Amino acid sequence: MENMISSIIIGIAVFGYASWALVKFIQKSKQGKCAACEINKSCSKECCIPKQVK
């Protein structure tokens, strides 16, 4: 009985973390490339400037 309870708790923890990571990933992907970047405050942001179409 104790073994089953610990397995359920571990399963809930694993699925909970996976759900949290998925939500965070979706939120960052909606922000765009530079807004979600971890170093966006110190970045020169040259990578975010789109190349102009000739």
PDB file of N, CA and C in Angstrom:
ATOM      1  N   MET A   1       0.814  -1.193   0.000  1.00  0.00           N
ATOM      2  CA  MET A   1       0.000   0.000   0.000  1.00  0.00           C
ATOM      3  C   MET A   1       0.867   1.270   0.000  1.00  0.00           C
ATOM      4  N   GLU A   2       1.917   1.284   0.816  1.00  0.00           N
ATOM      5  CA  GLU A   2       2.811   2.449   0.867  1.00  0.00           C
ATOM      6  C   GLU A   2       3.543   2.640  -0.457  1.00  0.00           C
ATOM      7  N   ASN A   3       3.858   1.519  -1.093  1.00  0.00           N
ATOM      8  CA  ASN A   3       4.552   1.567  -2.379  1.00  0.00           C
ATOM      9  C   ASN A   3       3.677   2.221  -3.438  1.00  0.00           C
ATOM     10  N   MET A   4       2.397   1.925  -3.420  1.00  0.00           N
ATOM     11  CA  MET A   4       1.471   2.482  -4.394  1.00  0.00           C
ATOM     12  C   MET A   4       1.287   3.993  -4.167  1.00  0.00           C
ATOM     13  N   ILE A   5       1.206   4.401  -2.928  1.00  0.00           N
ATOM     14  CA  ILE A   5       1.036   5.815  -2.611  1.00  0.00           C
ATOM     15  C   ILE A   5       2.259   6.611  -3.048  1.00  0.00           C
ATOM     16  N   SER A   6       3.438   6.076  -2.807  1.00  0.00           N
ATOM     17  CA  SER A   6       4.653   6.785  -3.219  1.00  0.00           C
ATOM     18  C   SER A   6       4.757   6.842  -4.741  1.00  0.00           C
ATOM     19  N   SER A   7       4.318   5.816  -5.432  1.00  0.00           N
ATOM     20  CA  SER A   7       4.324   5.830  -6.894  1.00  0.00           C
ATOM     21  C   SER A   7       3.353   6.887  -7.432  1.00  0.00           C
ATOM     22  N   ILE A   8       2.219   7.014  -6.804  1.00  0.00           N
ATOM     23  CA  ILE A   8       1.241   8.019  -7.221  1.00  0.00           C
ATOM     24  C   ILE A   8       1.788   9.426  -6.996  1.00  0.00           C
ATOM     25  N   ILE A   9       2.428   9.656  -5.865  1.00  0.00           N
ATOM     26  CA  ILE A   9       3.001  10.965  -5.560  1.00  0.00           C
ATOM     27  C   ILE A   9       4.111  11.312  -6.546  1.00  0.00           C
ATOM     28  N   ILE A  10       4.957  10.349  -6.841  1.00  0.00           N
ATOM     29  CA  ILE A  10       6.036  10.582  -7.812  1.00  0.00           C
ATOM     30  C   ILE A  10       5.447  10.852  -9.195  1.00  0.00           C
ATOM     31  N   GLY A  11       4.423  10.109  -9.583  1.00  0.00           N
ATOM     32  CA  GLY A  11       3.767  10.322 -10.878  1.00  0.00           C
ATOM     33  C   GLY A  11       3.142  11.700 -10.982  1.00  0.00           C
ATOM     34  N   ILE A  12       2.490  12.141  -9.916  1.00  0.00           N
ATOM     35  CA  ILE A  12       1.900  13.483  -9.900  1.00  0.00           C
ATOM     36  C   ILE A  12       2.985  14.540 -10.021  1.00  0.00           C
ATOM     37  N   ALA A  13       4.104  14.343  -9.333  1.00  0.00           N
ATOM     38  CA  ALA A  13       5.206  15.310  -9.402  1.00  0.00           C
ATOM     39  C   ALA A  13       5.784  15.385 -10.813  1.00  0.00           C
ATOM     40  N   VAL A  14       5.966  14.256 -11.455  1.00  0.00           N
ATOM     41  CA  VAL A  14       6.530  14.229 -12.808  1.00  0.00           C
ATOM     42  C   VAL A  14       5.586  14.903 -13.794  1.00  0.00           C
ATOM     43  N   PHE A  15       4.313  14.547 -13.769  1.00  0.00           N
ATOM     44  CA  PHE A  15       3.355  15.154 -14.690  1.00  0.00           C
ATOM     45  C   PHE A  15       3.122  16.630 -14.381  1.00  0.00           C
ATOM     46  N   GLY A  16       3.186  16.995 -13.112  1.00  0.00           N
ATOM     47  CA  GLY A  16       3.045  18.402 -12.747  1.00  0.00           C
ATOM     48  C   GLY A  16       4.191  19.235 -13.294  1.00  0.00           C
ATOM     49  N   TYR A  17       5.425  18.734 -13.159  1.00  0.00           N
ATOM     50  CA  TYR A  17       6.584  19.456 -13.682  1.00  0.00           C
ATOM     51  C   TYR A  17       6.536  19.539 -15.208  1.00  0.00           C
ATOM     52  N   ALA A  18       6.141  18.456 -15.856  1.00  0.00           N
ATOM     53  CA  ALA A  18       6.048  18.456 -17.319  1.00  0.00           C
ATOM     54  C   ALA A  18       4.996  19.471 -17.786  1.00  0.00           C
ATOM     55  N   SER A  19       3.883  19.552 -17.089  1.00  0.00           N
ATOM     56  CA  SER A  19       2.840  20.521 -17.444  1.00  0.00           C
ATOM     57  C   SER A  19       3.342  21.947 -17.252  1.00  0.00           C
ATOM     58  N   TRP A  20       4.031  22.195 -16.146  1.00  0.00           N
ATOM     59  CA  TRP A  20       4.575  23.524 -15.868  1.00  0.00           C
ATOM     60  C   TRP A  20       5.595  23.925 -16.936  1.00  0.00           C
ATOM     61  N   ALA A  21       6.488  23.005 -17.308  1.00  0.00           N
ATOM     62  CA  ALA A  21       7.504  23.296 -18.323  1.00  0.00           C
ATOM     63  C   ALA A  21       6.849  23.577 -19.675  1.00  0.00           C
ATOM     64  N   LEU A  22       5.805  22.844 -20.017  1.00  0.00           N
ATOM     65  CA  LEU A  22       5.106  23.055 -21.278  1.00  0.00           C
ATOM     66  C   LEU A  22       4.423  24.424 -21.307  1.00  0.00           C
ATOM     67  N   VAL A  23       3.794  24.813 -20.213  1.00  0.00           N
ATOM     68  CA  VAL A  23       3.134  26.115 -20.139  1.00  0.00           C
ATOM     69  C   VAL A  23       4.170  27.233 -20.272  1.00  0.00           C
ATOM     70  N   LYS A  24       5.295  27.126 -19.581  1.00  0.00           N
ATOM     71  CA  LYS A  24       6.346  28.142 -19.671  1.00  0.00           C
ATOM     72  C   LYS A  24       6.892  28.239 -21.095  1.00  0.00           C
ATOM     73  N   PHE A  25       7.063  27.105 -21.768  1.00  0.00           N
ATOM     74  CA  PHE A  25       7.562  27.092 -23.138  1.00  0.00           C
ATOM     75  C   PHE A  25       6.584  27.794 -24.076  1.00  0.00           C
ATOM     76  N   ILE A  26       5.304  27.528 -23.909  1.00  0.00           N
ATOM     77  CA  ILE A  26       4.289  28.148 -24.767  1.00  0.00           C
ATOM     78  C   ILE A  26       4.243  29.652 -24.519  1.00  0.00           C
ATOM     79  N   GLN A  27       4.330  30.078 -23.264  1.00  0.00           N
ATOM     80  CA  GLN A  27       4.319  31.503 -22.954  1.00  0.00           C
ATOM     81  C   GLN A  27       5.515  32.218 -23.571  1.00  0.00           C
ATOM     82  N   LYS A  28       6.692  31.612 -23.493  1.00  0.00           N
ATOM     83  CA  LYS A  28       7.890  32.234 -24.072  1.00  0.00           C
ATOM     84  C   LYS A  28       7.816  32.257 -25.589  1.00  0.00           C
ATOM     85  N   SER A  29       7.258  31.231 -26.198  1.00  0.00           N
ATOM     86  CA  SER A  29       7.184  31.207 -27.654  1.00  0.00           C
ATOM     87  C   SER A  29       6.199  32.251 -28.178  1.00  0.00           C
ATOM     88  N   LYS A  30       5.193  32.610 -27.388  1.00  0.00           N
ATOM     89  CA  LYS A  30       4.241  33.642 -27.793  1.00  0.00           C
ATOM     90  C   LYS A  30       4.860  35.029 -27.723  1.00  0.00           C
ATOM     91  N   GLN A  31       5.891  35.218 -26.887  1.00  0.00           N
ATOM     92  CA  GLN A  31       6.521  36.525 -26.722  1.00  0.00           C
ATOM     93  C   GLN A  31       7.390  36.901 -27.911  1.00  0.00           C
ATOM     94  N   GLY A  32       7.867  35.942 -28.635  1.00  0.00           N
ATOM     95  CA  GLY A  32       8.750  36.217 -29.751  1.00  0.00           C
ATOM     96  C   GLY A  32      10.192  35.906 -29.403  1.00  0.00           C
ATOM     97  N   LYS A  33      11.043  36.024 -30.390  1.00  0.00           N
ATOM     98  CA  LYS A  33      12.432  35.608 -30.243  1.00  0.00           C
ATOM     99  C   LYS A  33      13.191  36.437 -29.209  1.00  0.00           C
ATOM    100  N   CYS A  34      13.198  37.742 -29.347  1.00  0.00           N
ATOM    101  CA  CYS A  34      14.003  38.591 -28.465  1.00  0.00           C
ATOM    102  C   CYS A  34      13.325  38.859 -27.123  1.00  0.00           C
ATOM    103  N   ALA A  35      12.027  38.927 -27.080  1.00  0.00           N
ATOM    104  CA  ALA A  35      11.341  39.197 -25.822  1.00  0.00           C
ATOM    105  C   ALA A  35      11.521  38.063 -24.828  1.00  0.00           C
ATOM    106  N   ALA A  36      11.642  36.835 -25.322  1.00  0.00           N
ATOM    107  CA  ALA A  36      11.786  35.691 -24.450  1.00  0.00           C
ATOM    108  C   ALA A  36      13.244  35.350 -24.164  1.00  0.00           C
ATOM    109  N   CYS A  37      14.166  36.071 -24.775  1.00  0.00           N
ATOM    110  CA  CYS A  37      15.589  35.779 -24.597  1.00  0.00           C
ATOM    111  C   CYS A  37      16.017  36.108 -23.169  1.00  0.00           C
ATOM    112  N   GLU A  38      16.876  35.276 -22.606  1.00  0.00           N
ATOM    113  CA  GLU A  38      17.320  35.478 -21.236  1.00  0.00           C
ATOM    114  C   GLU A  38      18.255  36.676 -21.099  1.00  0.00           C
ATOM    115  N   ILE A  39      18.959  37.047 -22.152  1.00  0.00           N
ATOM    116  CA  ILE A  39      19.910  38.161 -22.074  1.00  0.00           C
ATOM    117  C   ILE A  39      19.414  39.370 -22.845  1.00  0.00           C
ATOM    118  N   ASN A  40      18.099  39.530 -22.979  1.00  0.00           N
ATOM    119  CA  ASN A  40      17.560  40.610 -23.805  1.00  0.00           C
ATOM    120  C   ASN A  40      17.888  42.001 -23.268  1.00  0.00           C
ATOM    121  N   LYS A  41      18.176  42.130 -21.982  1.00  0.00           N
ATOM    122  CA  LYS A  41      18.501  43.437 -21.417  1.00  0.00           C
ATOM    123  C   LYS A  41      19.896  43.903 -21.834  1.00  0.00           C
ATOM    124  N   SER A  42      20.835  42.963 -22.014  1.00  0.00           N
ATOM    125  CA  SER A  42      22.204  43.341 -22.355  1.00  0.00           C
ATOM    126  C   SER A  42      22.547  43.042 -23.808  1.00  0.00           C
ATOM    127  N   CYS A  43      21.608  42.550 -24.563  1.00  0.00           N
ATOM    128  CA  CYS A  43      21.837  42.182 -25.957  1.00  0.00           C
ATOM    129  C   CYS A  43      21.786  43.429 -26.845  1.00  0.00           C
ATOM    130  N   SER A  44      22.575  43.413 -27.906  1.00  0.00           N
ATOM    131  CA  SER A  44      22.544  44.534 -28.838  1.00  0.00           C
ATOM    132  C   SER A  44      21.315  44.468 -29.743  1.00  0.00           C
ATOM    133  N   LYS A  45      20.632  43.363 -29.722  1.00  0.00           N
ATOM    134  CA  LYS A  45      19.392  43.131 -30.468  1.00  0.00           C
ATOM    135  C   LYS A  45      19.568  43.225 -31.972  1.00  0.00           C
ATOM    136  N   GLU A  46      20.769  43.076 -32.436  1.00  0.00           N
ATOM    137  CA  GLU A  46      20.991  43.056 -33.884  1.00  0.00           C
ATOM    138  C   GLU A  46      20.402  41.802 -34.507  1.00  0.00           C
ATOM    139  N   CYS A  47      20.307  40.757 -33.716  1.00  0.00           N
ATOM    140  CA  CYS A  47      19.750  39.515 -34.238  1.00  0.00           C
ATOM    141  C   CYS A  47      18.253  39.633 -34.482  1.00  0.00           C
ATOM    142  N   CYS A  48      17.607  40.602 -33.875  1.00  0.00           N
ATOM    143  CA  CYS A  48      16.156  40.728 -33.974  1.00  0.00           C
ATOM    144  C   CYS A  48      15.712  41.668 -35.102  1.00  0.00           C
ATOM    145  N   ILE A  49      16.633  42.408 -35.643  1.00  0.00           N
ATOM    146  CA  ILE A  49      16.279  43.340 -36.704  1.00  0.00           C
ATOM    147  C   ILE A  49      16.090  42.535 -37.980  1.00  0.00           C
ATOM    148  N   PRO A  50      14.886  42.566 -38.550  1.00  0.00           N
ATOM    149  CA  PRO A  50      14.668  41.781 -39.770  1.00  0.00           C
ATOM    150  C   PRO A  50      15.426  42.359 -40.950  1.00  0.00           C
ATOM    151  N   LYS A  51      15.922  41.474 -41.794  1.00  0.00           N
ATOM    152  CA  LYS A  51      16.598  41.906 -43.005  1.00  0.00           C
ATOM    153  C   LYS A  51      15.573  42.464 -43.970  1.00  0.00           C
ATOM    154  N   GLN A  52      15.914  43.554 -44.590  1.00  0.00           N
ATOM    155  CA  GLN A  52      14.970  44.185 -45.496  1.00  0.00           C
ATOM    156  C   GLN A  52      14.949  43.438 -46.827  1.00  0.00           C
ATOM    157  N   VAL A  53      13.754  43.275 -47.330  1.00  0.00           N
ATOM    158  CA  VAL A  53      13.554  42.576 -48.594  1.00  0.00           C
ATOM    159  C   VAL A  53      13.808  43.554 -49.718  1.00  0.00           C
ATOM    160  N   LYS A  54      14.641  43.160 -50.651  1.00  0.00           N
ATOM    161  CA  LYS A  54      14.975  44.053 -51.769  1.00  0.00           C
ATOM    162  C   LYS A  54      14.044  43.840 -52.925  1.00  0.00           C
TER     163      LYS A  54
END
